[in-house]
């Protein structure tokens, strides 16, 4: 197998449904991650230089759940499953991150099989907290369709974790974690039943993708099942959260400010996509 490859814009590194037999370390360029849903091709986000691509598929021994297409010219190192596992065994930082993600995902599967309402991620990383003293956190819509669903005023969060998800269809079970904000959606669904949560971890505020089908984008960075990380830090001020792909209507602003700061519920965060 060729150890290093060059790709041109528009080239495919793999397709949804392919075997997960290789891992890519992107050395230069950008790769778009696409999910085929019915006849739609939904852009979930991008993988950039210095990031792994396809590593969780190899670790979980499953077929590719998305398509990887080059967004620019670039190069990548290609590792077989065995070579990647050997690389992980020699790098404690990569090993720790992978083990944490696999542990969290295993608990999610166990929860679904058991049909319980256990907290999964939140039992270790997201216990129930009040908002940190002196900090105001709010959630608002970034477009008119979403404002018509949740209202024009920003929602002031009073506790964490705060979970956003979709109203189940009649033939679906309710989400394992009951969302604080339940939103209607229609097929092809962009929002999962429990899609993402805002959570406190130590003295930080984060967004966790909860194993959603189409992932979450936080300030231009994609997280979730198809990407290197399941969580992203929130910074002071305005943060943009897109749930379900780049052109999803579920486009939120999360504002993190001092409690005495004036929060604007109608402002829009500029698109952080390069």
C-alpha atoms as a PDB file:
ATOM      1  CA  UNK A   1       0.000   0.000   0.000  1.00  0.00           C
ATOM      2  CA  UNK A   2       1.202   3.490  -0.859  1.00  0.00           C
ATOM      3  CA  UNK A   3       2.357   5.159   2.373  1.00  0.00           C
ATOM      4  CA  UNK A   4       1.806   8.778   1.289  1.00  0.00           C
ATOM      5  CA  UNK A   5      -0.708   9.974  -1.270  1.00  0.00           C
ATOM      6  CA  UNK A   6      -1.410  13.210  -3.083  1.00  0.00           C
ATOM      7  CA  UNK A   7      -4.984  14.249  -3.827  1.00  0.00           C
ATOM      8  CA  UNK A   8      -6.579  16.927  -5.942  1.00  0.00           C
ATOM      9  CA  UNK A   9      -9.729  18.909  -5.259  1.00  0.00           C
ATOM     10  CA  UNK A  10     -12.729  16.684  -5.909  1.00  0.00           C
ATOM     11  CA  UNK A  11     -10.906  13.374  -5.353  1.00  0.00           C
ATOM     12  CA  UNK A  12     -12.574  10.850  -3.032  1.00  0.00           C
ATOM     13  CA  UNK A  13     -10.549   9.205  -0.270  1.00  0.00           C
ATOM     14  CA  UNK A  14     -13.420   6.837   0.543  1.00  0.00           C
ATOM     15  CA  UNK A  15     -17.183   6.517   0.157  1.00  0.00           C
ATOM     16  CA  UNK A  16     -19.982   5.886   2.598  1.00  0.00           C
ATOM     17  CA  UNK A  17     -20.369   2.125   2.967  1.00  0.00           C
ATOM     18  CA  UNK A  18     -16.715   1.281   2.189  1.00  0.00           C
ATOM     19  CA  UNK A  19     -14.765  -0.959   4.546  1.00  0.00           C
ATOM     20  CA  UNK A  20     -12.874   0.881   7.307  1.00  0.00           C
ATOM     21  CA  UNK A  21      -9.467  -0.589   6.539  1.00  0.00           C
ATOM     22  CA  UNK A  22      -7.286   2.534   6.405  1.00  0.00           C
ATOM     23  CA  UNK A  23      -6.640   5.650   8.457  1.00  0.00           C
ATOM     24  CA  UNK A  24      -5.471   8.953   6.983  1.00  0.00           C
ATOM     25  CA  UNK A  25      -3.353  11.633   8.637  1.00  0.00           C
ATOM     26  CA  UNK A  26      -3.938  14.772   6.603  1.00  0.00           C
ATOM     27  CA  UNK A  27      -0.601  16.494   5.975  1.00  0.00           C
ATOM     28  CA  UNK A  28      -1.781  19.347   3.743  1.00  0.00           C
ATOM     29  CA  UNK A  29      -5.128  20.459   2.335  1.00  0.00           C
ATOM     30  CA  UNK A  30      -8.711  19.968   3.492  1.00  0.00           C
ATOM     31  CA  UNK A  31     -11.149  17.074   3.262  1.00  0.00           C
ATOM     32  CA  UNK A  32     -14.934  17.504   3.224  1.00  0.00           C
ATOM     33  CA  UNK A  33     -17.006  14.959   5.124  1.00  0.00           C
ATOM     34  CA  UNK A  34     -20.353  14.232   3.445  1.00  0.00           C
ATOM     35  CA  UNK A  35     -23.271  12.099   4.592  1.00  0.00           C
ATOM     36  CA  UNK A  36     -25.617  10.650   1.991  1.00  0.00           C
ATOM     37  CA  UNK A  37     -29.208  10.814   3.267  1.00  0.00           C
ATOM     38  CA  UNK A  38     -31.770   9.578   0.736  1.00  0.00           C
ATOM     39  CA  UNK A  39     -30.844  11.589  -2.364  1.00  0.00           C
ATOM     40  CA  UNK A  40     -29.231  14.443  -0.425  1.00  0.00           C
ATOM     41  CA  UNK A  41     -25.506  14.880   0.095  1.00  0.00           C
ATOM     42  CA  UNK A  42     -25.036  16.830   3.340  1.00  0.00           C
ATOM     43  CA  UNK A  43     -21.750  18.586   4.156  1.00  0.00           C
ATOM     44  CA  UNK A  44     -20.969  17.799   7.802  1.00  0.00           C
ATOM     45  CA  UNK A  45     -17.664  19.635   8.103  1.00  0.00           C
ATOM     46  CA  UNK A  46     -13.999  19.522   7.150  1.00  0.00           C
ATOM     47  CA  UNK A  47     -10.879  17.699   8.282  1.00  0.00           C
ATOM     48  CA  UNK A  48      -7.719  19.797   8.051  1.00  0.00           C
ATOM     49  CA  UNK A  49      -3.955  19.335   8.082  1.00  0.00           C
ATOM     50  CA  UNK A  50      -2.736  17.655  11.263  1.00  0.00           C
ATOM     51  CA  UNK A  51      -6.005  15.767  11.856  1.00  0.00           C
ATOM     52  CA  UNK A  52      -6.843  12.069  11.593  1.00  0.00           C
ATOM     53  CA  UNK A  53      -9.524  10.808   9.248  1.00  0.00           C
ATOM     54  CA  UNK A  54     -11.293   7.462   9.574  1.00  0.00           C
ATOM     55  CA  UNK A  55      -9.695   6.449  12.872  1.00  0.00           C
ATOM     56  CA  UNK A  56     -12.922   5.714  14.751  1.00  0.00           C
ATOM     57  CA  UNK A  57     -14.227   3.488  11.964  1.00  0.00           C
ATOM     58  CA  UNK A  58     -11.100   1.361  12.282  1.00  0.00           C
ATOM     59  CA  UNK A  59     -11.314   1.224  16.082  1.00  0.00           C
ATOM     60  CA  UNK A  60     -15.014   0.329  16.002  1.00  0.00           C
ATOM     61  CA  UNK A  61     -14.573  -2.107  13.042  1.00  0.00           C
ATOM     62  CA  UNK A  62     -17.540  -0.677  11.146  1.00  0.00           C
ATOM     63  CA  UNK A  63     -18.071   0.417   7.558  1.00  0.00           C
ATOM     64  CA  UNK A  64     -17.622   4.045   6.581  1.00  0.00           C
ATOM     65  CA  UNK A  65     -20.627   6.066   7.704  1.00  0.00           C
ATOM     66  CA  UNK A  66     -19.733   9.067   5.536  1.00  0.00           C
ATOM     67  CA  UNK A  67     -17.860  10.045   2.374  1.00  0.00           C
ATOM     68  CA  UNK A  68     -14.512  11.889   2.349  1.00  0.00           C
ATOM     69  CA  UNK A  69     -13.931  14.240  -0.615  1.00  0.00           C
ATOM     70  CA  UNK A  70     -10.972  16.567  -1.108  1.00  0.00           C
ATOM     71  CA  UNK A  71     -11.895  20.249  -0.770  1.00  0.00           C
ATOM     72  CA  UNK A  72      -8.441  21.283  -2.032  1.00  0.00           C
ATOM     73  CA  UNK A  73      -5.198  19.806  -3.310  1.00  0.00           C
ATOM     74  CA  UNK A  74      -3.150  18.146  -0.578  1.00  0.00           C
ATOM     75  CA  UNK A  75      -1.303  15.139   0.787  1.00  0.00           C
ATOM     76  CA  UNK A  76      -1.955  12.503   3.436  1.00  0.00           C
ATOM     77  CA  UNK A  77      -0.166   9.693   5.204  1.00  0.00           C
ATOM     78  CA  UNK A  78      -2.060   6.394   4.880  1.00  0.00           C
ATOM     79  CA  UNK A  79      -1.917   3.716   7.569  1.00  0.00           C
ATOM     80  CA  UNK A  80      -3.438   0.244   7.628  1.00  0.00           C
ATOM     81  CA  UNK A  81      -5.510  -0.713  10.661  1.00  0.00           C
ATOM     82  CA  UNK A  82      -2.519  -2.535  12.145  1.00  0.00           C
ATOM     83  CA  UNK A  83      -0.146   0.368  11.514  1.00  0.00           C
ATOM     84  CA  UNK A  84      -2.559   2.827  13.114  1.00  0.00           C
ATOM     85  CA  UNK A  85      -3.006   0.683  16.234  1.00  0.00           C
ATOM     86  CA  UNK A  86       0.791   0.378  16.470  1.00  0.00           C
ATOM     87  CA  UNK A  87       1.083   4.188  16.186  1.00  0.00           C
ATOM     88  CA  UNK A  88      -1.516   4.603  18.931  1.00  0.00           C
ATOM     89  CA  UNK A  89       0.321   2.172  21.223  1.00  0.00           C
ATOM     90  CA  UNK A  90       3.423   4.365  20.971  1.00  0.00           C
ATOM     91  CA  UNK A  91       1.599   7.679  21.533  1.00  0.00           C
ATOM     92  CA  UNK A  92      -0.062   7.979  24.981  1.00  0.00           C
ATOM     93  CA  UNK A  93      -1.910  11.196  24.053  1.00  0.00           C
ATOM     94  CA  UNK A  94      -3.635   9.664  21.014  1.00  0.00           C
ATOM     95  CA  UNK A  95      -4.317   6.461  22.981  1.00  0.00           C
ATOM     96  CA  UNK A  96      -5.956   8.367  25.845  1.00  0.00           C
ATOM     97  CA  UNK A  97      -8.228  10.352  23.517  1.00  0.00           C
ATOM     98  CA  UNK A  98      -9.303   7.239  21.607  1.00  0.00           C
ATOM     99  CA  UNK A  99      -9.963   5.233  24.776  1.00  0.00           C
ATOM    100  CA  UNK A 100     -12.081   8.050  26.216  1.00  0.00           C
ATOM    101  CA  UNK A 101     -14.162   8.338  23.064  1.00  0.00           C
ATOM    102  CA  UNK A 102     -14.603   4.568  22.760  1.00  0.00           C
ATOM    103  CA  UNK A 103     -15.612   4.336  26.425  1.00  0.00           C
ATOM    104  CA  UNK A 104     -18.233   7.055  26.024  1.00  0.00           C
ATOM    105  CA  UNK A 105     -19.627   5.485  22.860  1.00  0.00           C
ATOM    106  CA  UNK A 106     -19.750   2.033  24.458  1.00  0.00           C
ATOM    107  CA  UNK A 107     -21.796   3.431  27.321  1.00  0.00           C
ATOM    108  CA  UNK A 108     -24.184   5.029  24.832  1.00  0.00           C
ATOM    109  CA  UNK A 109     -24.699   1.660  23.151  1.00  0.00           C
ATOM    110  CA  UNK A 110     -25.232  -0.038  26.529  1.00  0.00           C
ATOM    111  CA  UNK A 111     -27.778   2.631  27.457  1.00  0.00           C
ATOM    112  CA  UNK A 112     -29.710   2.026  24.249  1.00  0.00           C
ATOM    113  CA  UNK A 113     -29.678  -1.733  24.696  1.00  0.00           C
ATOM    114  CA  UNK A 114     -30.801  -1.423  28.318  1.00  0.00           C
ATOM    115  CA  UNK A 115     -33.362   1.233  27.461  1.00  0.00           C
ATOM    116  CA  UNK A 116     -32.412   3.275  30.504  1.00  0.00           C
ATOM    117  CA  UNK A 117     -32.133   6.990  31.086  1.00  0.00           C
ATOM    118  CA  UNK A 118     -28.560   6.830  32.342  1.00  0.00           C
ATOM    119  CA  UNK A 119     -26.455   9.911  31.739  1.00  0.00           C
ATOM    120  CA  UNK A 120     -23.721   8.262  29.632  1.00  0.00           C
ATOM    121  CA  UNK A 121     -21.319  11.160  28.952  1.00  0.00           C
ATOM    122  CA  UNK A 122     -22.726  13.279  31.744  1.00  0.00           C
ATOM    123  CA  UNK A 123     -22.144  10.800  34.552  1.00  0.00           C
ATOM    124  CA  UNK A 124     -18.393  11.458  34.344  1.00  0.00           C
ATOM    125  CA  UNK A 125     -18.041  14.646  32.350  1.00  0.00           C
ATOM    126  CA  UNK A 126     -21.332  16.431  32.885  1.00  0.00           C
ATOM    127  CA  UNK A 127     -22.902  16.238  36.344  1.00  0.00           C
ATOM    128  CA  UNK A 128     -25.879  18.490  36.955  1.00  0.00           C
ATOM    129  CA  UNK A 129     -24.629  22.002  37.752  1.00  0.00           C
ATOM    130  CA  UNK A 130     -26.079  25.415  38.150  1.00  0.00           C
ATOM    131  CA  UNK A 131     -24.555  27.988  35.825  1.00  0.00           C
ATOM    132  CA  UNK A 132     -21.199  29.124  37.319  1.00  0.00           C
ATOM    133  CA  UNK A 133     -21.556  32.136  39.597  1.00  0.00           C
ATOM    134  CA  UNK A 134     -21.162  35.418  37.741  1.00  0.00           C
ATOM    135  CA  UNK A 135     -21.618  33.863  34.291  1.00  0.00           C
ATOM    136  CA  UNK A 136     -24.663  34.247  32.046  1.00  0.00           C
ATOM    137  CA  UNK A 137     -25.242  31.660  29.307  1.00  0.00           C
ATOM    138  CA  UNK A 138     -27.987  32.043  26.728  1.00  0.00           C
ATOM    139  CA  UNK A 139     -29.169  30.225  23.601  1.00  0.00           C
ATOM    140  CA  UNK A 140     -30.760  32.044  20.669  1.00  0.00           C
ATOM    141  CA  UNK A 141     -31.785  31.365  17.071  1.00  0.00           C
ATOM    142  CA  UNK A 142     -29.677  32.609  14.170  1.00  0.00           C
ATOM    143  CA  UNK A 143     -32.390  32.541  11.507  1.00  0.00           C
ATOM    144  CA  UNK A 144     -36.072  33.257  11.138  1.00  0.00           C
ATOM    145  CA  UNK A 145     -37.299  29.644  10.741  1.00  0.00           C
ATOM    146  CA  UNK A 146     -35.615  28.701  14.013  1.00  0.00           C
ATOM    147  CA  UNK A 147     -36.834  31.867  15.752  1.00  0.00           C
ATOM    148  CA  UNK A 148     -40.381  30.864  14.812  1.00  0.00           C
ATOM    149  CA  UNK A 149     -39.815  27.596  16.718  1.00  0.00           C
ATOM    150  CA  UNK A 150     -38.049  28.811  19.868  1.00  0.00           C
ATOM    151  CA  UNK A 151     -39.016  32.491  19.962  1.00  0.00           C
ATOM    152  CA  UNK A 152     -37.127  35.710  19.290  1.00  0.00           C
ATOM    153  CA  UNK A 153     -35.877  36.151  22.849  1.00  0.00           C
ATOM    154  CA  UNK A 154     -32.717  34.384  23.966  1.00  0.00           C
ATOM    155  CA  UNK A 155     -33.241  31.431  26.305  1.00  0.00           C
ATOM    156  CA  UNK A 156     -31.354  32.063  29.552  1.00  0.00           C
ATOM    157  CA  UNK A 157     -29.836  28.795  30.765  1.00  0.00           C
ATOM    158  CA  UNK A 158     -30.177  28.136  34.504  1.00  0.00           C
ATOM    159  CA  UNK A 159     -28.619  24.664  34.754  1.00  0.00           C
ATOM    160  CA  UNK A 160     -26.156  22.384  33.027  1.00  0.00           C
ATOM    161  CA  UNK A 161     -26.044  20.117  31.147  1.00  0.00           C
ATOM    162  CA  UNK A 162     -28.546  21.699  28.758  1.00  0.00           C
ATOM    163  CA  UNK A 163     -29.587  19.317  25.977  1.00  0.00           C
ATOM    164  CA  UNK A 164     -31.032  20.149  22.557  1.00  0.00           C
ATOM    165  CA  UNK A 165     -32.830  17.511  20.519  1.00  0.00           C
ATOM    166  CA  UNK A 166     -35.662  16.586  18.184  1.00  0.00           C
ATOM    167  CA  UNK A 167     -39.257  15.665  18.953  1.00  0.00           C
ATOM    168  CA  UNK A 168     -39.512  11.912  18.238  1.00  0.00           C
ATOM    169  CA  UNK A 169     -41.837  10.669  15.527  1.00  0.00           C
ATOM    170  CA  UNK A 170     -44.797   8.502  16.590  1.00  0.00           C
ATOM    171  CA  UNK A 171     -42.921   5.265  15.852  1.00  0.00           C
ATOM    172  CA  UNK A 172     -39.692   6.374  17.591  1.00  0.00           C
ATOM    173  CA  UNK A 173     -38.631   5.974  21.187  1.00  0.00           C
ATOM    174  CA  UNK A 174     -37.896   9.065  23.229  1.00  0.00           C
ATOM    175  CA  UNK A 175     -34.270  10.123  23.594  1.00  0.00           C
ATOM    176  CA  UNK A 176     -32.326   8.509  26.436  1.00  0.00           C
ATOM    177  CA  UNK A 177     -31.527  11.925  27.864  1.00  0.00           C
ATOM    178  CA  UNK A 178     -34.681  14.017  27.875  1.00  0.00           C
ATOM    179  CA  UNK A 179     -33.762  17.243  26.029  1.00  0.00           C
ATOM    180  CA  UNK A 180     -34.355  20.596  27.685  1.00  0.00           C
ATOM    181  CA  UNK A 181     -35.180  22.060  24.264  1.00  0.00           C
ATOM    182  CA  UNK A 182     -37.253  19.812  21.982  1.00  0.00           C
ATOM    183  CA  UNK A 183     -37.628  20.977  18.389  1.00  0.00           C
ATOM    184  CA  UNK A 184     -39.754  19.687  15.503  1.00  0.00           C
ATOM    185  CA  UNK A 185     -38.031  18.425  12.366  1.00  0.00           C
ATOM    186  CA  UNK A 186     -39.060  16.450   9.290  1.00  0.00           C
ATOM    187  CA  UNK A 187     -37.388  13.854   7.111  1.00  0.00           C
ATOM    188  CA  UNK A 188     -34.640  13.826   6.088  1.00  0.00           C
ATOM    189  CA  UNK A 189     -33.887  14.739   9.720  1.00  0.00           C
ATOM    190  CA  UNK A 190     -31.082  17.171  10.443  1.00  0.00           C
ATOM    191  CA  UNK A 191     -31.567  17.038  14.202  1.00  0.00           C
ATOM    192  CA  UNK A 192     -31.139  13.864  16.267  1.00  0.00           C
ATOM    193  CA  UNK A 193     -33.411  13.076  19.216  1.00  0.00           C
ATOM    194  CA  UNK A 194     -30.620  14.058  21.619  1.00  0.00           C
ATOM    195  CA  UNK A 195     -28.235  16.019  19.434  1.00  0.00           C
ATOM    196  CA  UNK A 196     -25.887  18.131  21.555  1.00  0.00           C
ATOM    197  CA  UNK A 197     -25.520  19.455  25.066  1.00  0.00           C
ATOM    198  CA  UNK A 198     -23.893  22.436  26.736  1.00  0.00           C
ATOM    199  CA  UNK A 199     -21.975  21.248  29.775  1.00  0.00           C
ATOM    200  CA  UNK A 200     -19.609  22.398  32.495  1.00  0.00           C
ATOM    201  CA  UNK A 201     -16.343  20.475  32.876  1.00  0.00           C
ATOM    202  CA  UNK A 202     -14.175  21.819  35.684  1.00  0.00           C
ATOM    203  CA  UNK A 203     -14.090  25.576  35.074  1.00  0.00           C
ATOM    204  CA  UNK A 204     -14.840  25.306  31.345  1.00  0.00           C
ATOM    205  CA  UNK A 205     -18.007  25.335  29.284  1.00  0.00           C
ATOM    206  CA  UNK A 206     -18.183  22.917  26.363  1.00  0.00           C
ATOM    207  CA  UNK A 207     -20.502  21.652  23.666  1.00  0.00           C
ATOM    208  CA  UNK A 208     -20.720  17.839  23.441  1.00  0.00           C
ATOM    209  CA  UNK A 209     -22.125  16.124  20.390  1.00  0.00           C
ATOM    210  CA  UNK A 210     -24.214  13.222  21.715  1.00  0.00           C
ATOM    211  CA  UNK A 211     -23.509  10.750  18.937  1.00  0.00           C
ATOM    212  CA  UNK A 212     -25.802  12.565  16.513  1.00  0.00           C
ATOM    213  CA  UNK A 213     -26.200  11.262  12.964  1.00  0.00           C
ATOM    214  CA  UNK A 214     -24.998  14.444  11.253  1.00  0.00           C
ATOM    215  CA  UNK A 215     -22.710  15.992  13.850  1.00  0.00           C
ATOM    216  CA  UNK A 216     -22.373  19.472  15.308  1.00  0.00           C
ATOM    217  CA  UNK A 217     -20.282  22.465  14.212  1.00  0.00           C
ATOM    218  CA  UNK A 218     -18.995  24.811  16.934  1.00  0.00           C
ATOM    219  CA  UNK A 219     -17.435  28.087  15.799  1.00  0.00           C
ATOM    220  CA  UNK A 220     -16.598  26.542  12.429  1.00  0.00           C
ATOM    221  CA  UNK A 221     -15.118  23.324  13.881  1.00  0.00           C
ATOM    222  CA  UNK A 222     -16.976  20.062  13.281  1.00  0.00           C
ATOM    223  CA  UNK A 223     -17.310  17.600  16.173  1.00  0.00           C
ATOM    224  CA  UNK A 224     -19.042  14.259  16.536  1.00  0.00           C
ATOM    225  CA  UNK A 225     -18.988  10.761  15.131  1.00  0.00           C
ATOM    226  CA  UNK A 226     -17.071  11.568  11.924  1.00  0.00           C
ATOM    227  CA  UNK A 227     -14.413  13.867  13.396  1.00  0.00           C
ATOM    228  CA  UNK A 228     -11.472  13.817  15.801  1.00  0.00           C
ATOM    229  CA  UNK A 229     -13.349  15.280  18.755  1.00  0.00           C
ATOM    230  CA  UNK A 230     -16.786  14.887  20.313  1.00  0.00           C
ATOM    231  CA  UNK A 231     -16.596  18.184  22.213  1.00  0.00           C
ATOM    232  CA  UNK A 232     -15.508  21.792  21.715  1.00  0.00           C
ATOM    233  CA  UNK A 233     -14.823  24.644  24.120  1.00  0.00           C
ATOM    234  CA  UNK A 234     -17.106  27.655  24.297  1.00  0.00           C
ATOM    235  CA  UNK A 235     -15.384  31.016  24.580  1.00  0.00           C
ATOM    236  CA  UNK A 236     -16.526  34.241  26.195  1.00  0.00           C
ATOM    237  CA  UNK A 237     -18.891  36.177  23.963  1.00  0.00           C
ATOM    238  CA  UNK A 238     -20.824  34.727  21.086  1.00  0.00           C
ATOM    239  CA  UNK A 239     -20.442  31.167  19.831  1.00  0.00           C
ATOM    240  CA  UNK A 240     -22.112  29.712  16.769  1.00  0.00           C
ATOM    241  CA  UNK A 241     -23.509  26.175  16.891  1.00  0.00           C
ATOM    242  CA  UNK A 242     -24.845  24.401  13.806  1.00  0.00           C
ATOM    243  CA  UNK A 243     -26.592  21.091  14.399  1.00  0.00           C
ATOM    244  CA  UNK A 244     -26.852  18.764  11.402  1.00  0.00           C
ATOM    245  CA  UNK A 245     -24.491  20.045   8.699  1.00  0.00           C
ATOM    246  CA  UNK A 246     -23.379  23.362   7.216  1.00  0.00           C
ATOM    247  CA  UNK A 247     -26.694  24.360   5.640  1.00  0.00           C
ATOM    248  CA  UNK A 248     -28.848  23.095   8.509  1.00  0.00           C
ATOM    249  CA  UNK A 249     -31.686  25.347   9.698  1.00  0.00           C
ATOM    250  CA  UNK A 250     -30.733  24.506  13.313  1.00  0.00           C
ATOM    251  CA  UNK A 251     -28.352  27.430  13.637  1.00  0.00           C
ATOM    252  CA  UNK A 252     -27.833  28.767  17.177  1.00  0.00           C
ATOM    253  CA  UNK A 253     -25.904  31.435  19.030  1.00  0.00           C
ATOM    254  CA  UNK A 254     -24.676  30.561  22.509  1.00  0.00           C
ATOM    255  CA  UNK A 255     -23.586  33.691  24.385  1.00  0.00           C
ATOM    256  CA  UNK A 256     -21.301  33.384  27.417  1.00  0.00           C
ATOM    257  CA  UNK A 257     -20.963  36.650  29.304  1.00  0.00           C
ATOM    258  CA  UNK A 258     -20.794  38.243  32.714  1.00  0.00           C
ATOM    259  CA  UNK A 259     -24.238  38.357  34.321  1.00  0.00           C
ATOM    260  CA  UNK A 260     -24.284  42.142  34.219  1.00  0.00           C
ATOM    261  CA  UNK A 261     -23.587  42.223  30.490  1.00  0.00           C
ATOM    262  CA  UNK A 262     -26.433  42.979  28.125  1.00  0.00           C
ATOM    263  CA  UNK A 263     -27.211  39.973  25.918  1.00  0.00           C
ATOM    264  CA  UNK A 264     -28.658  40.543  22.487  1.00  0.00           C
ATOM    265  CA  UNK A 265     -31.009  37.758  21.478  1.00  0.00           C
ATOM    266  CA  UNK A 266     -31.319  38.791  17.860  1.00  0.00           C
ATOM    267  CA  UNK A 267     -27.647  39.048  16.898  1.00  0.00           C
ATOM    268  CA  UNK A 268     -26.069  36.699  14.398  1.00  0.00           C
ATOM    269  CA  UNK A 269     -22.637  35.204  14.678  1.00  0.00           C
ATOM    270  CA  UNK A 270     -20.633  35.559  11.476  1.00  0.00           C
ATOM    271  CA  UNK A 271     -20.085  32.318   9.603  1.00  0.00           C
ATOM    272  CA  UNK A 272     -16.752  30.989  10.819  1.00  0.00           C
ATOM    273  CA  UNK A 273     -16.260  28.703   7.833  1.00  0.00           C
ATOM    274  CA  UNK A 274     -13.075  29.519   5.932  1.00  0.00           C
END
